[in-house]
Amino acid sequence: MRKTNVNLDTAPSHRIAMILLGIAVTPVLLSSSSLGSQLSSSALITVVAIGSLILTVLAAINMCVGEKARLPTYGIVKYPFGEKGAVAINILMAVSLFGWIAVTASMFGHSVHDLLAGYGIHLPITLLVAMGCVIFVASTAFGFAVLGKVAQVAVPIISVMLCYILYRAFHGQGVPLGDVGQMNTGVAISTVVGTIIVLVTTLPDFGSFVHDRKHAIVAAVLTFAIAYPLLFWAGAMPSALTGKASLLEAMAVFGVLLPTALLLIFATVTGNAGNMFQGTLVVSTLLTRFPKWQITIALGVLAAIVGSMDIMSWFIPFLLFLGVATPPVAGIYVADYSLYRRGGYDEAALAREPKVKVLSFVAWLAGSLAGFAAIKGVLTITTIPSLDSILVASLCYALLSRLNR
């Protein structure tokens, strides 16, 4: 049995929280501006609070599973899906993570390009994307310890810059807004949850590094109950004040483009360092012959190629599709842990059990379909598609696995 080992090279809760925040900054800044431009200030606070509470509960559970297993997400899914069946899930995770690596690399290149263009310097975006990927690889190739040090430096800088941007937004001369078009509350909460749900699904990666269960729960609370709602609110307020749909557009109204561009650049560095770390973990389970540092470099090269293309228009919808298909995996491995693995993860069980557990894929498919149905308005359980998919997958797995046994 794999049980918690306090002698492992583990980290305290605050360090894990710093790394998670570094990863979360980029997607939050991308989505919060759109939310802020479509909600009143009071509605924004309510929506962010509810969404963050949901994420905190899910994050605490998933972190505790990782702490118990001392395995990454891609090792844990072998138990409910089977050793060979887990390969398909790992491919899904790998595609999702690589997609965000490429999109964030593209965002880095465009942010640096816009910043330099303001000073009359024009460099090819392809070159800037490649330079960004070199930074991402360097921040990741030396493992978890270096990733933590990058976050410890970058996250405080991001926080200071974001506070300065907020100060300028509240004290600047913005354009007075009329009535703000109200987004549906369920859709708004789904945006808060869905922005980071793929990271929450893969939190066992980080739970496996915490000192103990207490630190796992504290890390989840620090990240998603305290820092995440503040970050989301800070990213949304400039757009709420100006009605602009992006942070750069909003801060252009106040004449604060340089700090905003620098903020986005720092955010992409910390975000993609974390994405690279997780991407390396999952690809290493598929390509076991290669050392992890080589996989990290290969991901960096591929991200430089794909990130240099005009991918944003068609790739983001594809990643949102994966954002509904990925959360059911968490519902299944949490149900599997609650029902069968509370005493630990027995590696010998993998040899005794089927290599592909078909019923687990049925549960995953049911959860994914529930999420898509919720998006289309055909089926609504909680009004939050990703949460619907997790609940349906978890219940289906619990029922089907019991019947099978």
Protein backbone atom coordinates (compact mmCIF):
# COMPACT_ATOMS: atom_id res chain seq x y z
CA MET A 1 0.00 0.00 0.00
CA ARG A 2 1.06 3.59 -0.69
CA LYS A 3 0.51 5.60 2.47
CA THR A 4 1.43 9.13 3.50
CA ASN A 5 5.16 9.36 4.15
CA VAL A 6 6.16 12.43 6.15
CA ASN A 7 9.82 11.90 5.20
CA LEU A 8 9.18 12.60 1.54
CA ASP A 9 10.68 15.75 -0.01
CA THR A 10 7.49 17.69 0.55
CA ALA A 11 6.46 21.36 0.70
CA PRO A 12 4.34 23.49 3.07
CA SER A 13 0.89 24.72 2.16
CA HIS A 14 1.89 28.33 1.42
CA ARG A 15 4.49 27.27 -1.14
CA ILE A 16 1.97 25.06 -2.95
CA ALA A 17 -0.52 27.94 -2.89
CA MET A 18 2.05 30.27 -4.49
CA ILE A 19 2.66 27.83 -7.33
CA LEU A 20 -1.07 27.33 -7.93
CA LEU A 21 -1.64 31.09 -7.99
CA GLY A 22 1.16 31.49 -10.51
CA ILE A 23 -0.57 29.00 -12.78
CA ALA A 24 -4.02 30.54 -12.24
CA VAL A 25 -3.11 34.16 -13.04
CA THR A 26 -3.12 33.86 -16.84
CA PRO A 27 -6.54 32.19 -17.33
CA VAL A 28 -8.06 34.45 -14.65
CA LEU A 29 -6.86 37.62 -16.37
CA LEU A 30 -8.18 36.29 -19.68
CA SER A 31 -11.69 35.52 -18.42
CA SER A 32 -12.28 37.94 -15.54
CA SER A 33 -12.28 41.03 -17.78
CA SER A 34 -15.12 39.63 -19.87
CA LEU A 35 -17.08 38.88 -16.70
CA GLY A 36 -16.46 42.31 -15.24
CA SER A 37 -17.82 44.06 -18.30
CA GLN A 38 -21.16 42.20 -18.03
CA LEU A 39 -21.93 42.33 -14.28
CA SER A 40 -22.62 45.02 -11.72
CA SER A 41 -20.15 45.33 -8.83
CA SER A 42 -22.49 43.64 -6.32
CA ALA A 43 -23.37 40.81 -8.70
CA LEU A 44 -19.66 40.31 -9.46
CA ILE A 45 -18.82 39.88 -5.77
CA THR A 46 -21.64 37.36 -5.27
CA VAL A 47 -20.75 35.32 -8.35
CA VAL A 48 -17.02 35.20 -7.55
CA ALA A 49 -17.74 34.21 -3.92
CA ILE A 50 -20.01 31.30 -4.92
CA GLY A 51 -17.66 30.08 -7.64
CA SER A 52 -14.65 30.25 -5.34
CA LEU A 53 -16.48 28.29 -2.62
CA ILE A 54 -17.23 25.49 -5.10
CA LEU A 55 -13.60 25.45 -6.26
CA THR A 56 -12.32 25.37 -2.66
CA VAL A 57 -14.36 22.27 -1.81
CA LEU A 58 -13.31 20.46 -5.00
CA ALA A 59 -9.67 21.52 -4.57
CA ALA A 60 -9.48 20.35 -0.95
CA ILE A 61 -10.87 16.92 -1.89
CA ASN A 62 -8.53 16.48 -4.87
CA MET A 63 -5.47 17.68 -2.94
CA CYS A 64 -6.24 15.18 -0.17
CA VAL A 65 -6.47 12.34 -2.71
CA GLY A 66 -3.03 13.29 -4.02
CA GLU A 67 -1.62 13.51 -0.48
CA LYS A 68 -2.91 10.03 0.32
CA ALA A 69 -1.75 8.42 -2.92
CA ARG A 70 1.59 10.24 -3.24
CA LEU A 71 1.00 9.82 -6.96
CA PRO A 72 0.36 12.35 -9.72
CA THR A 73 -3.10 12.51 -11.28
CA TYR A 74 -1.92 10.35 -14.15
CA GLY A 75 -0.89 7.58 -11.75
CA ILE A 76 -4.13 7.78 -9.77
CA VAL A 77 -6.41 7.36 -12.81
CA LYS A 78 -4.88 3.92 -13.45
CA TYR A 79 -6.92 2.56 -10.56
CA PRO A 80 -10.44 3.44 -11.75
CA PHE A 81 -9.70 3.18 -15.50
CA GLY A 82 -7.17 0.31 -15.57
CA GLU A 83 -3.50 0.48 -16.56
CA LYS A 84 -4.16 0.55 -20.30
CA GLY A 85 -7.41 2.46 -20.03
CA ALA A 86 -5.61 5.26 -18.19
CA VAL A 87 -3.53 5.88 -21.34
CA ALA A 88 -6.59 7.33 -23.09
CA ILE A 89 -7.29 9.62 -20.13
CA ASN A 90 -3.66 10.69 -20.00
CA ILE A 91 -3.76 11.58 -23.69
CA LEU A 92 -6.83 13.74 -23.02
CA MET A 93 -4.99 15.47 -20.18
CA ALA A 94 -1.82 15.88 -22.26
CA VAL A 95 -3.71 17.51 -25.15
CA SER A 96 -5.51 19.86 -22.77
CA LEU A 97 -2.34 20.91 -20.96
CA PHE A 98 -0.36 21.33 -24.18
CA GLY A 99 -3.18 23.43 -25.61
CA TRP A 100 -2.91 25.87 -22.72
CA ILE A 101 0.89 25.88 -22.99
CA ALA A 102 0.62 26.91 -26.67
CA VAL A 103 -2.09 29.53 -26.02
CA THR A 104 -0.15 31.06 -23.13
CA ALA A 105 3.04 31.11 -25.24
CA SER A 106 1.10 32.95 -27.94
CA MET A 107 -0.21 35.42 -25.34
CA PHE A 108 3.36 36.03 -24.11
CA GLY A 109 4.60 36.75 -27.65
CA HIS A 110 1.77 39.17 -28.43
CA SER A 111 2.08 40.96 -25.06
CA VAL A 112 5.83 41.52 -25.51
CA HIS A 113 5.28 42.56 -29.14
CA ASP A 114 2.69 45.18 -28.14
CA LEU A 115 4.92 46.43 -25.33
CA LEU A 116 7.98 46.87 -27.59
CA ALA A 117 5.89 48.36 -30.39
CA GLY A 118 4.95 51.19 -28.04
CA TYR A 119 8.64 52.14 -27.98
CA GLY A 120 9.12 51.81 -31.74
CA ILE A 121 10.75 48.36 -31.55
CA HIS A 122 9.25 45.79 -33.90
CA LEU A 123 10.32 42.16 -33.51
CA PRO A 124 8.66 39.13 -35.14
CA ILE A 125 6.05 37.52 -32.92
CA THR A 126 7.50 34.10 -33.82
CA LEU A 127 10.84 35.11 -32.27
CA LEU A 128 9.16 36.44 -29.14
CA VAL A 129 7.06 33.29 -28.71
CA ALA A 130 10.25 31.20 -29.03
CA MET A 131 12.00 33.38 -26.43
CA GLY A 132 9.07 32.89 -24.10
CA CYS A 133 9.22 29.12 -24.50
CA VAL A 134 12.92 29.18 -23.59
CA ILE A 135 11.97 30.96 -20.34
CA PHE A 136 9.14 28.49 -19.66
CA VAL A 137 11.43 25.50 -20.18
CA ALA A 138 14.17 27.00 -18.00
CA SER A 139 11.62 27.56 -15.23
CA THR A 140 10.47 23.94 -15.37
CA ALA A 141 13.28 21.66 -16.49
CA PHE A 142 14.90 21.50 -13.06
CA GLY A 143 11.83 20.20 -11.28
CA PHE A 144 9.37 21.14 -8.59
CA ALA A 145 11.83 22.98 -6.34
CA VAL A 146 12.79 25.48 -9.06
CA LEU A 147 9.12 25.91 -10.00
CA GLY A 148 8.43 26.92 -6.39
CA LYS A 149 11.28 29.46 -6.42
CA VAL A 150 9.98 31.01 -9.65
CA ALA A 151 6.53 31.39 -8.07
CA GLN A 152 7.98 32.89 -4.87
CA VAL A 153 9.62 35.65 -6.92
CA ALA A 154 6.98 36.24 -9.60
CA VAL A 155 3.72 36.07 -7.61
CA PRO A 156 4.61 38.97 -5.23
CA ILE A 157 5.65 41.07 -8.26
CA ILE A 158 2.36 40.26 -10.00
CA SER A 159 0.44 41.16 -6.83
CA VAL A 160 2.14 44.57 -6.51
CA MET A 161 1.57 45.36 -10.19
CA LEU A 162 -2.08 44.33 -9.98
CA CYS A 163 -2.58 46.56 -6.92
CA TYR A 164 -1.03 49.48 -8.78
CA ILE A 165 -3.29 48.86 -11.79
CA LEU A 166 -6.34 48.75 -9.52
CA TYR A 167 -5.28 52.00 -7.84
CA ARG A 168 -4.96 53.72 -11.19
CA ALA A 169 -8.30 52.29 -12.33
CA PHE A 170 -10.17 53.61 -9.28
CA HIS A 171 -8.45 57.00 -9.37
CA GLY A 172 -8.35 57.48 -13.14
CA GLN A 173 -10.74 59.27 -15.43
CA GLY A 174 -12.76 56.45 -16.96
CA VAL A 175 -15.76 56.63 -19.22
CA PRO A 176 -18.99 56.73 -17.16
CA LEU A 177 -21.03 53.61 -17.78
CA GLY A 178 -24.76 53.33 -18.13
CA ASP A 179 -26.65 50.20 -17.19
CA VAL A 180 -24.40 47.15 -17.33
CA GLY A 181 -25.75 44.24 -19.35
CA GLN A 182 -26.38 41.48 -16.85
CA MET A 183 -24.98 38.04 -17.56
CA ASN A 184 -27.06 35.10 -16.33
CA THR A 185 -25.94 34.23 -12.78
CA GLY A 186 -25.52 30.51 -13.52
CA VAL A 187 -23.41 31.26 -16.60
CA ALA A 188 -21.32 33.76 -14.62
CA ILE A 189 -20.63 31.26 -11.81
CA SER A 190 -19.79 28.66 -14.43
CA THR A 191 -17.23 31.06 -15.87
CA VAL A 192 -15.57 31.51 -12.46
CA VAL A 193 -15.45 27.74 -11.92
CA GLY A 194 -14.68 26.74 -15.51
CA THR A 195 -11.76 29.14 -15.82
CA ILE A 196 -9.60 26.97 -13.61
CA ILE A 197 -11.44 23.63 -13.44
CA VAL A 198 -8.79 21.72 -15.44
CA LEU A 199 -6.15 22.78 -12.89
CA VAL A 200 -8.45 21.70 -10.05
CA THR A 201 -8.92 18.33 -11.76
CA THR A 202 -5.16 17.77 -11.80
CA LEU A 203 -4.51 18.99 -8.23
CA PRO A 204 -3.32 15.54 -7.03
CA ASP A 205 -0.10 16.49 -8.86
CA PHE A 206 0.47 19.10 -6.15
CA GLY A 207 -1.26 17.26 -3.33
CA SER A 208 1.37 14.55 -3.67
CA PHE A 209 4.01 17.12 -2.63
CA VAL A 210 2.40 18.56 0.53
CA HIS A 211 3.61 17.68 4.02
CA ASP A 212 0.33 16.13 5.17
CA ARG A 213 -3.46 16.34 4.85
CA LYS A 214 -3.69 19.52 6.94
CA HIS A 215 -1.31 21.28 4.56
CA ALA A 216 -3.31 19.99 1.58
CA ILE A 217 -6.52 21.55 2.93
CA VAL A 218 -4.80 24.80 3.94
CA ALA A 219 -3.25 25.10 0.46
CA ALA A 220 -6.69 24.69 -1.11
CA VAL A 221 -8.21 27.32 1.19
CA LEU A 222 -5.37 29.82 0.72
CA THR A 223 -5.54 29.47 -3.05
CA PHE A 224 -9.23 29.18 -3.88
CA ALA A 225 -11.08 30.66 -0.88
CA ILE A 226 -8.83 33.69 -0.34
CA ALA A 227 -6.42 34.50 -3.16
CA TYR A 228 -8.45 33.31 -6.18
CA PRO A 229 -11.55 35.46 -5.52
CA LEU A 230 -9.34 38.51 -4.85
CA LEU A 231 -7.44 37.85 -8.08
CA PHE A 232 -10.64 37.37 -10.07
CA TRP A 233 -12.18 40.53 -8.64
CA ALA A 234 -9.02 42.55 -9.30
CA GLY A 235 -8.90 41.34 -12.90
CA ALA A 236 -12.57 42.13 -13.45
CA MET A 237 -12.85 45.59 -11.87
CA PRO A 238 -11.04 47.63 -14.58
CA SER A 239 -13.48 46.22 -17.15
CA ALA A 240 -16.39 46.77 -14.77
CA LEU A 241 -15.38 50.46 -14.54
CA THR A 242 -14.84 50.96 -18.28
CA GLY A 243 -17.02 48.35 -19.99
CA LYS A 244 -14.02 47.09 -21.98
CA ALA A 245 -13.81 43.34 -22.58
CA SER A 246 -10.06 42.92 -21.96
CA LEU A 247 -7.65 44.14 -19.30
CA LEU A 248 -5.36 45.87 -21.82
CA GLU A 249 -8.28 47.72 -23.40
CA ALA A 250 -9.62 48.73 -20.00
CA MET A 251 -6.28 50.07 -18.75
CA ALA A 252 -5.67 51.92 -22.03
CA VAL A 253 -8.57 54.15 -20.94
CA PHE A 254 -6.53 55.12 -17.86
CA GLY A 255 -3.21 55.36 -19.72
CA VAL A 256 -1.60 52.45 -17.85
CA LEU A 257 -0.55 50.20 -20.72
CA LEU A 258 3.06 49.55 -19.66
CA PRO A 259 2.33 48.11 -16.17
CA THR A 260 -0.56 46.10 -17.61
CA ALA A 261 1.59 44.61 -20.37
CA LEU A 262 4.32 43.77 -17.82
CA LEU A 263 1.70 42.15 -15.58
CA LEU A 264 0.51 39.92 -18.44
CA ILE A 265 4.10 38.98 -19.30
CA PHE A 266 4.90 37.94 -15.71
CA ALA A 267 1.59 36.07 -15.53
CA THR A 268 2.34 34.04 -18.65
CA VAL A 269 5.77 33.08 -17.31
CA THR A 270 4.46 31.71 -14.00
CA GLY A 271 1.40 30.17 -15.64
CA ASN A 272 3.27 28.34 -18.34
CA ALA A 273 6.00 27.16 -15.98
CA GLY A 274 3.25 25.33 -14.06
CA ASN A 275 1.62 24.08 -17.25
CA MET A 276 4.98 22.76 -18.43
CA PHE A 277 5.52 21.00 -15.10
CA GLN A 278 2.16 19.24 -15.31
CA GLY A 279 2.52 18.57 -19.03
CA THR A 280 5.88 16.93 -18.43
CA LEU A 281 4.38 14.69 -15.74
CA VAL A 282 1.58 13.41 -17.96
CA VAL A 283 3.66 12.95 -21.12
CA SER A 284 6.28 11.07 -19.09
CA THR A 285 3.62 8.44 -18.34
CA LEU A 286 3.07 7.99 -22.08
CA LEU A 287 6.73 8.17 -23.18
CA THR A 288 8.49 6.32 -20.39
CA ARG A 289 11.73 5.87 -22.36
CA PHE A 290 12.60 9.57 -22.25
CA PRO A 291 13.85 11.51 -19.21
CA LYS A 292 11.60 14.32 -18.05
CA TRP A 293 13.98 17.13 -18.99
CA GLN A 294 13.92 15.99 -22.62
CA ILE A 295 10.12 15.92 -22.57
CA THR A 296 10.05 19.47 -21.18
CA ILE A 297 12.31 20.70 -23.99
CA ALA A 298 10.20 18.92 -26.61
CA LEU A 299 7.05 20.55 -25.22
CA GLY A 300 8.78 23.92 -25.39
CA VAL A 301 9.76 23.44 -29.04
CA LEU A 302 6.24 22.30 -30.01
CA ALA A 303 4.67 25.18 -28.07
CA ALA A 304 6.93 27.65 -29.91
CA ILE A 305 5.75 26.26 -33.26
CA VAL A 306 2.03 26.07 -32.45
CA GLY A 307 2.02 29.31 -30.42
CA SER A 308 3.42 31.19 -33.43
CA MET A 309 0.38 30.26 -35.50
CA ASP A 310 -2.91 32.14 -35.53
CA ILE A 311 -4.46 29.66 -33.10
CA MET A 312 -6.51 31.77 -30.72
CA SER A 313 -9.66 31.91 -32.88
CA TRP A 314 -10.09 28.14 -33.22
CA PHE A 315 -8.06 26.70 -30.36
CA ILE A 316 -9.84 28.37 -27.43
CA PRO A 317 -13.22 26.70 -28.27
CA PHE A 318 -11.39 23.37 -28.49
CA LEU A 319 -9.86 23.93 -25.05
CA LEU A 320 -13.27 24.85 -23.64
CA PHE A 321 -14.51 21.53 -25.03
CA LEU A 322 -11.74 19.79 -23.12
CA GLY A 323 -12.73 21.84 -20.07
CA VAL A 324 -16.02 19.94 -19.98
CA ALA A 325 -14.54 16.54 -20.86
CA THR A 326 -11.76 16.71 -18.23
CA PRO A 327 -13.64 17.39 -14.93
CA PRO A 328 -15.54 14.04 -15.00
CA VAL A 329 -12.15 12.37 -14.52
CA ALA A 330 -11.94 14.03 -11.09
CA GLY A 331 -15.46 12.85 -10.24
CA ILE A 332 -14.43 9.28 -11.03
CA TYR A 333 -11.10 9.16 -9.19
CA VAL A 334 -12.64 10.84 -6.12
CA ALA A 335 -15.49 8.29 -6.09
CA ASP A 336 -12.95 5.48 -6.54
CA TYR A 337 -10.89 6.80 -3.63
CA SER A 338 -13.94 7.19 -1.37
CA LEU A 339 -15.24 3.70 -2.11
CA TYR A 340 -12.13 1.56 -2.50
CA ARG A 341 -8.81 3.34 -1.76
CA ARG A 342 -9.18 5.01 1.62
CA GLY A 343 -6.67 2.58 3.06
CA GLY A 344 -4.09 3.43 0.39
CA TYR A 345 -3.25 2.68 -3.25
CA ASP A 346 -2.12 -0.93 -3.67
CA GLU A 347 0.06 -1.31 -6.77
CA ALA A 348 -0.52 -5.07 -6.77
CA ALA A 349 -4.23 -4.40 -7.40
CA LEU A 350 -3.40 -3.05 -10.85
CA ALA A 351 -2.09 -6.45 -11.88
CA ARG A 352 -5.20 -8.24 -10.58
CA GLU A 353 -7.78 -5.90 -12.08
CA PRO A 354 -8.77 -5.47 -15.77
CA LYS A 355 -6.37 -3.45 -17.90
CA VAL A 356 -9.28 -1.47 -19.34
CA LYS A 357 -12.34 -0.81 -17.18
CA VAL A 358 -15.10 -0.19 -19.69
CA LEU A 359 -17.71 0.85 -17.13
CA SER A 360 -15.44 3.68 -15.96
CA PHE A 361 -15.42 5.04 -19.50
CA VAL A 362 -19.21 4.77 -19.56
CA ALA A 363 -19.31 6.92 -16.40
CA TRP A 364 -16.86 9.40 -17.94
CA LEU A 365 -18.93 9.61 -21.13
CA ALA A 366 -22.12 10.14 -19.10
CA GLY A 367 -20.47 12.97 -17.16
CA SER A 368 -19.14 14.61 -20.32
CA LEU A 369 -22.54 14.43 -22.02
CA ALA A 370 -24.16 15.95 -18.93
CA GLY A 371 -21.72 18.85 -19.12
CA PHE A 372 -22.40 19.46 -22.82
CA ALA A 373 -26.14 19.18 -22.25
CA ALA A 374 -25.89 21.79 -19.50
CA ILE A 375 -24.01 24.15 -21.83
CA LYS A 376 -26.77 23.78 -24.45
CA GLY A 377 -29.49 24.23 -21.82
CA VAL A 378 -30.91 20.75 -22.46
CA LEU A 379 -30.18 19.40 -18.96
CA THR A 380 -29.50 21.50 -15.88
CA ILE A 381 -28.63 20.15 -12.44
CA THR A 382 -26.60 22.90 -10.77
CA THR A 383 -26.51 25.49 -13.64
CA ILE A 384 -22.71 24.95 -13.72
CA PRO A 385 -21.77 22.57 -16.60
CA SER A 386 -18.41 21.45 -15.22
CA LEU A 387 -19.92 20.72 -11.80
CA ASP A 388 -22.80 18.83 -13.43
CA SER A 389 -20.30 16.67 -15.30
CA ILE A 390 -18.36 15.90 -12.10
CA LEU A 391 -21.48 14.92 -10.15
CA VAL A 392 -22.95 12.73 -12.91
CA ALA A 393 -19.62 10.97 -13.54
CA SER A 394 -19.09 10.36 -9.82
CA LEU A 395 -22.57 8.94 -9.26
CA CYS A 396 -22.43 6.78 -12.40
CA TYR A 397 -19.04 5.38 -11.42
CA ALA A 398 -20.22 4.61 -7.89
CA LEU A 399 -23.30 2.79 -9.18
CA LEU A 400 -21.65 0.92 -12.06
CA SER A 401 -18.61 -0.17 -10.08
CA ARG A 402 -20.79 -1.47 -7.25
CA LEU A 403 -22.94 -3.43 -9.68
CA ASN A 404 -19.84 -4.82 -11.39
CA ARG A 405 -18.32 -5.97 -8.12
